[in-house]
Amino acid sequence: MNILDLHGIKHKDAPNKIDTFIRYNKNNLPIEIITGNSLDMQGILKKVVNIYNLNMKPKSFMNLGSYIINDN
């Protein structure tokens, strides 16, 4: 599974990074995107995922800073 770690990425740069990663990997789902505990970063991720009509869920309920992105 391909992984994008957003630690160290500025919020203003995140939408483009996420969009590029999803477009590059949309035929290789599922993918994992690590947001960390930032609610703002999680919101940015959710907006981009919704554009692609994909599903995101926490990797585990013990780690709410990492999301698995898959087809609906």
N, C-alpha and C. Protein backbone atom coordinates (compact mmCIF):
# COMPACT_ATOMS: atom_id res chain seq x y z
N MET A 1 0.85 -1.17 0.00
CA MET A 1 0.00 0.00 0.00
C MET A 1 0.90 1.24 0.00
N ASN A 2 0.58 2.19 -0.88
CA ASN A 2 1.33 3.43 -0.94
C ASN A 2 0.88 4.36 0.18
N ILE A 3 1.84 5.10 0.74
CA ILE A 3 1.58 5.94 1.90
C ILE A 3 2.08 7.36 1.63
N LEU A 4 1.27 8.34 2.01
CA LEU A 4 1.66 9.74 1.99
C LEU A 4 1.65 10.22 3.43
N ASP A 5 2.79 10.70 3.92
CA ASP A 5 2.91 11.23 5.28
C ASP A 5 2.93 12.75 5.18
N LEU A 6 1.96 13.40 5.77
CA LEU A 6 1.84 14.85 5.69
C LEU A 6 2.54 15.58 6.83
N HIS A 7 3.22 14.86 7.71
CA HIS A 7 3.99 15.53 8.76
C HIS A 7 5.01 16.46 8.11
N GLY A 8 5.07 17.68 8.57
CA GLY A 8 6.02 18.65 8.05
C GLY A 8 5.53 19.41 6.83
N ILE A 9 4.35 19.06 6.30
CA ILE A 9 3.78 19.75 5.14
C ILE A 9 2.91 20.90 5.65
N LYS A 10 3.08 22.07 5.08
CA LYS A 10 2.27 23.22 5.47
C LYS A 10 0.84 23.03 4.99
N HIS A 11 -0.10 23.53 5.78
CA HIS A 11 -1.52 23.38 5.43
C HIS A 11 -1.82 23.93 4.05
N LYS A 12 -1.20 25.02 3.67
CA LYS A 12 -1.47 25.61 2.37
C LYS A 12 -0.98 24.73 1.22
N ASP A 13 0.01 23.87 1.48
CA ASP A 13 0.55 22.98 0.46
C ASP A 13 -0.13 21.62 0.42
N ALA A 14 -0.88 21.31 1.48
CA ALA A 14 -1.47 19.97 1.62
C ALA A 14 -2.47 19.61 0.53
N PRO A 15 -3.41 20.50 0.16
CA PRO A 15 -4.39 20.08 -0.86
C PRO A 15 -3.74 19.62 -2.16
N ASN A 16 -2.73 20.32 -2.62
CA ASN A 16 -2.06 19.93 -3.85
C ASN A 16 -1.32 18.60 -3.69
N LYS A 17 -0.64 18.41 -2.56
CA LYS A 17 0.08 17.15 -2.32
C LYS A 17 -0.89 15.98 -2.29
N ILE A 18 -1.99 16.15 -1.58
CA ILE A 18 -2.99 15.09 -1.46
C ILE A 18 -3.61 14.79 -2.82
N ASP A 19 -3.99 15.84 -3.55
CA ASP A 19 -4.60 15.66 -4.86
C ASP A 19 -3.66 14.91 -5.81
N THR A 20 -2.42 15.31 -5.85
CA THR A 20 -1.44 14.66 -6.72
C THR A 20 -1.27 13.19 -6.34
N PHE A 21 -1.18 12.92 -5.04
CA PHE A 21 -0.99 11.55 -4.56
C PHE A 21 -2.19 10.68 -4.92
N ILE A 22 -3.39 11.19 -4.73
CA ILE A 22 -4.59 10.42 -5.06
C ILE A 22 -4.68 10.17 -6.57
N ARG A 23 -4.45 11.21 -7.37
CA ARG A 23 -4.51 11.03 -8.83
C ARG A 23 -3.50 9.99 -9.29
N TYR A 24 -2.29 10.04 -8.75
CA TYR A 24 -1.25 9.11 -9.15
C TYR A 24 -1.58 7.67 -8.74
N ASN A 25 -2.31 7.51 -7.63
CA ASN A 25 -2.57 6.18 -7.08
C ASN A 25 -4.02 5.72 -7.17
N LYS A 26 -4.87 6.46 -7.91
CA LYS A 26 -6.29 6.11 -7.90
C LYS A 26 -6.59 4.73 -8.49
N ASN A 27 -5.68 4.18 -9.26
CA ASN A 27 -5.87 2.83 -9.79
C ASN A 27 -5.18 1.78 -8.93
N ASN A 28 -4.61 2.21 -7.81
CA ASN A 28 -3.90 1.29 -6.90
C ASN A 28 -4.42 1.41 -5.48
N LEU A 29 -5.72 1.64 -5.33
CA LEU A 29 -6.32 1.75 -4.01
C LEU A 29 -6.37 0.39 -3.33
N PRO A 30 -6.29 0.32 -2.02
CA PRO A 30 -6.31 1.42 -1.07
C PRO A 30 -4.93 2.08 -0.92
N ILE A 31 -4.97 3.31 -0.40
CA ILE A 31 -3.77 4.04 -0.06
C ILE A 31 -3.92 4.53 1.38
N GLU A 32 -2.82 4.92 1.98
CA GLU A 32 -2.85 5.44 3.34
C GLU A 32 -2.31 6.87 3.32
N ILE A 33 -2.99 7.75 4.03
CA ILE A 33 -2.52 9.13 4.17
C ILE A 33 -2.48 9.45 5.66
N ILE A 34 -1.30 9.86 6.10
CA ILE A 34 -1.06 10.17 7.50
C ILE A 34 -1.18 11.68 7.70
N THR A 35 -2.13 12.08 8.52
CA THR A 35 -2.35 13.50 8.79
C THR A 35 -1.77 13.92 10.13
N GLY A 36 -1.53 12.98 11.00
CA GLY A 36 -1.21 13.33 12.38
C GLY A 36 -2.49 13.75 13.08
N ASN A 37 -2.35 14.40 14.22
CA ASN A 37 -3.53 14.74 15.03
C ASN A 37 -4.15 16.08 14.67
N SER A 38 -3.67 16.74 13.63
CA SER A 38 -4.19 18.05 13.24
C SER A 38 -5.59 17.92 12.66
N LEU A 39 -6.56 18.52 13.34
CA LEU A 39 -7.93 18.50 12.83
C LEU A 39 -8.03 19.29 11.54
N ASP A 40 -7.24 20.35 11.40
CA ASP A 40 -7.23 21.12 10.16
C ASP A 40 -6.75 20.26 8.99
N MET A 41 -5.68 19.50 9.20
CA MET A 41 -5.14 18.64 8.13
C MET A 41 -6.13 17.54 7.79
N GLN A 42 -6.81 17.01 8.78
CA GLN A 42 -7.81 15.99 8.54
C GLN A 42 -8.97 16.55 7.73
N GLY A 43 -9.34 17.79 8.00
CA GLY A 43 -10.39 18.45 7.23
C GLY A 43 -9.98 18.67 5.78
N ILE A 44 -8.73 19.07 5.57
CA ILE A 44 -8.21 19.25 4.22
C ILE A 44 -8.26 17.92 3.47
N LEU A 45 -7.82 16.86 4.12
CA LEU A 45 -7.84 15.53 3.50
C LEU A 45 -9.27 15.15 3.12
N LYS A 46 -10.20 15.36 4.02
CA LYS A 46 -11.60 14.98 3.77
C LYS A 46 -12.15 15.72 2.55
N LYS A 47 -11.84 17.01 2.41
CA LYS A 47 -12.32 17.78 1.26
C LYS A 47 -11.80 17.21 -0.05
N VAL A 48 -10.52 16.87 -0.10
CA VAL A 48 -9.94 16.34 -1.33
C VAL A 48 -10.49 14.95 -1.63
N VAL A 49 -10.61 14.11 -0.62
CA VAL A 49 -11.14 12.76 -0.80
C VAL A 49 -12.57 12.83 -1.34
N ASN A 50 -13.36 13.77 -0.84
CA ASN A 50 -14.74 13.93 -1.31
C ASN A 50 -14.80 14.34 -2.78
N ILE A 51 -13.85 15.13 -3.24
CA ILE A 51 -13.81 15.53 -4.65
C ILE A 51 -13.73 14.29 -5.54
N TYR A 52 -12.97 13.30 -5.10
CA TYR A 52 -12.79 12.07 -5.87
C TYR A 52 -13.87 11.02 -5.57
N ASN A 53 -14.82 11.38 -4.71
CA ASN A 53 -15.89 10.46 -4.33
C ASN A 53 -15.34 9.14 -3.78
N LEU A 54 -14.31 9.28 -2.93
CA LEU A 54 -13.69 8.12 -2.30
C LEU A 54 -14.09 8.06 -0.84
N ASN A 55 -13.76 6.96 -0.21
CA ASN A 55 -14.07 6.72 1.19
C ASN A 55 -12.79 6.81 2.01
N MET A 56 -12.87 7.44 3.17
CA MET A 56 -11.73 7.46 4.08
C MET A 56 -12.18 6.96 5.45
N LYS A 57 -11.34 6.15 6.04
CA LYS A 57 -11.63 5.67 7.39
C LYS A 57 -10.31 5.60 8.16
N PRO A 58 -10.38 5.77 9.47
CA PRO A 58 -9.15 5.69 10.26
C PRO A 58 -8.49 4.32 10.09
N LYS A 59 -7.17 4.31 10.07
CA LYS A 59 -6.45 3.04 9.96
C LYS A 59 -6.83 2.13 11.12
N SER A 60 -6.94 2.72 12.29
CA SER A 60 -7.44 2.00 13.47
C SER A 60 -8.02 3.03 14.42
N PHE A 61 -8.84 2.60 15.31
CA PHE A 61 -9.42 3.53 16.26
C PHE A 61 -8.44 3.87 17.38
N MET A 62 -7.27 3.28 17.35
CA MET A 62 -6.19 3.65 18.27
C MET A 62 -5.29 4.70 17.63
N ASN A 63 -5.42 4.91 16.31
CA ASN A 63 -4.60 5.87 15.60
C ASN A 63 -5.50 6.67 14.66
N LEU A 64 -6.01 7.78 15.15
CA LEU A 64 -6.94 8.59 14.36
C LEU A 64 -6.21 9.62 13.50
N GLY A 65 -4.91 9.48 13.37
CA GLY A 65 -4.13 10.39 12.56
C GLY A 65 -3.64 9.76 11.27
N SER A 66 -4.18 8.60 10.94
CA SER A 66 -3.81 7.89 9.71
C SER A 66 -5.07 7.32 9.10
N TYR A 67 -5.24 7.55 7.78
CA TYR A 67 -6.48 7.18 7.11
C TYR A 67 -6.23 6.30 5.91
N ILE A 68 -7.12 5.33 5.74
CA ILE A 68 -7.11 4.47 4.57
C ILE A 68 -8.13 5.03 3.59
N ILE A 69 -7.70 5.24 2.37
CA ILE A 69 -8.54 5.79 1.32
C ILE A 69 -8.85 4.68 0.33
N ASN A 70 -10.15 4.50 0.04
CA ASN A 70 -10.59 3.41 -0.82
C ASN A 70 -11.80 3.84 -1.64
N ASP A 71 -12.17 3.02 -2.62
CA ASP A 71 -13.40 3.26 -3.39
C ASP A 71 -14.59 3.15 -2.46
N ASN A 72 -15.65 3.83 -2.82
CA ASN A 72 -16.91 3.73 -2.05
C ASN A 72 -17.54 2.38 -2.27
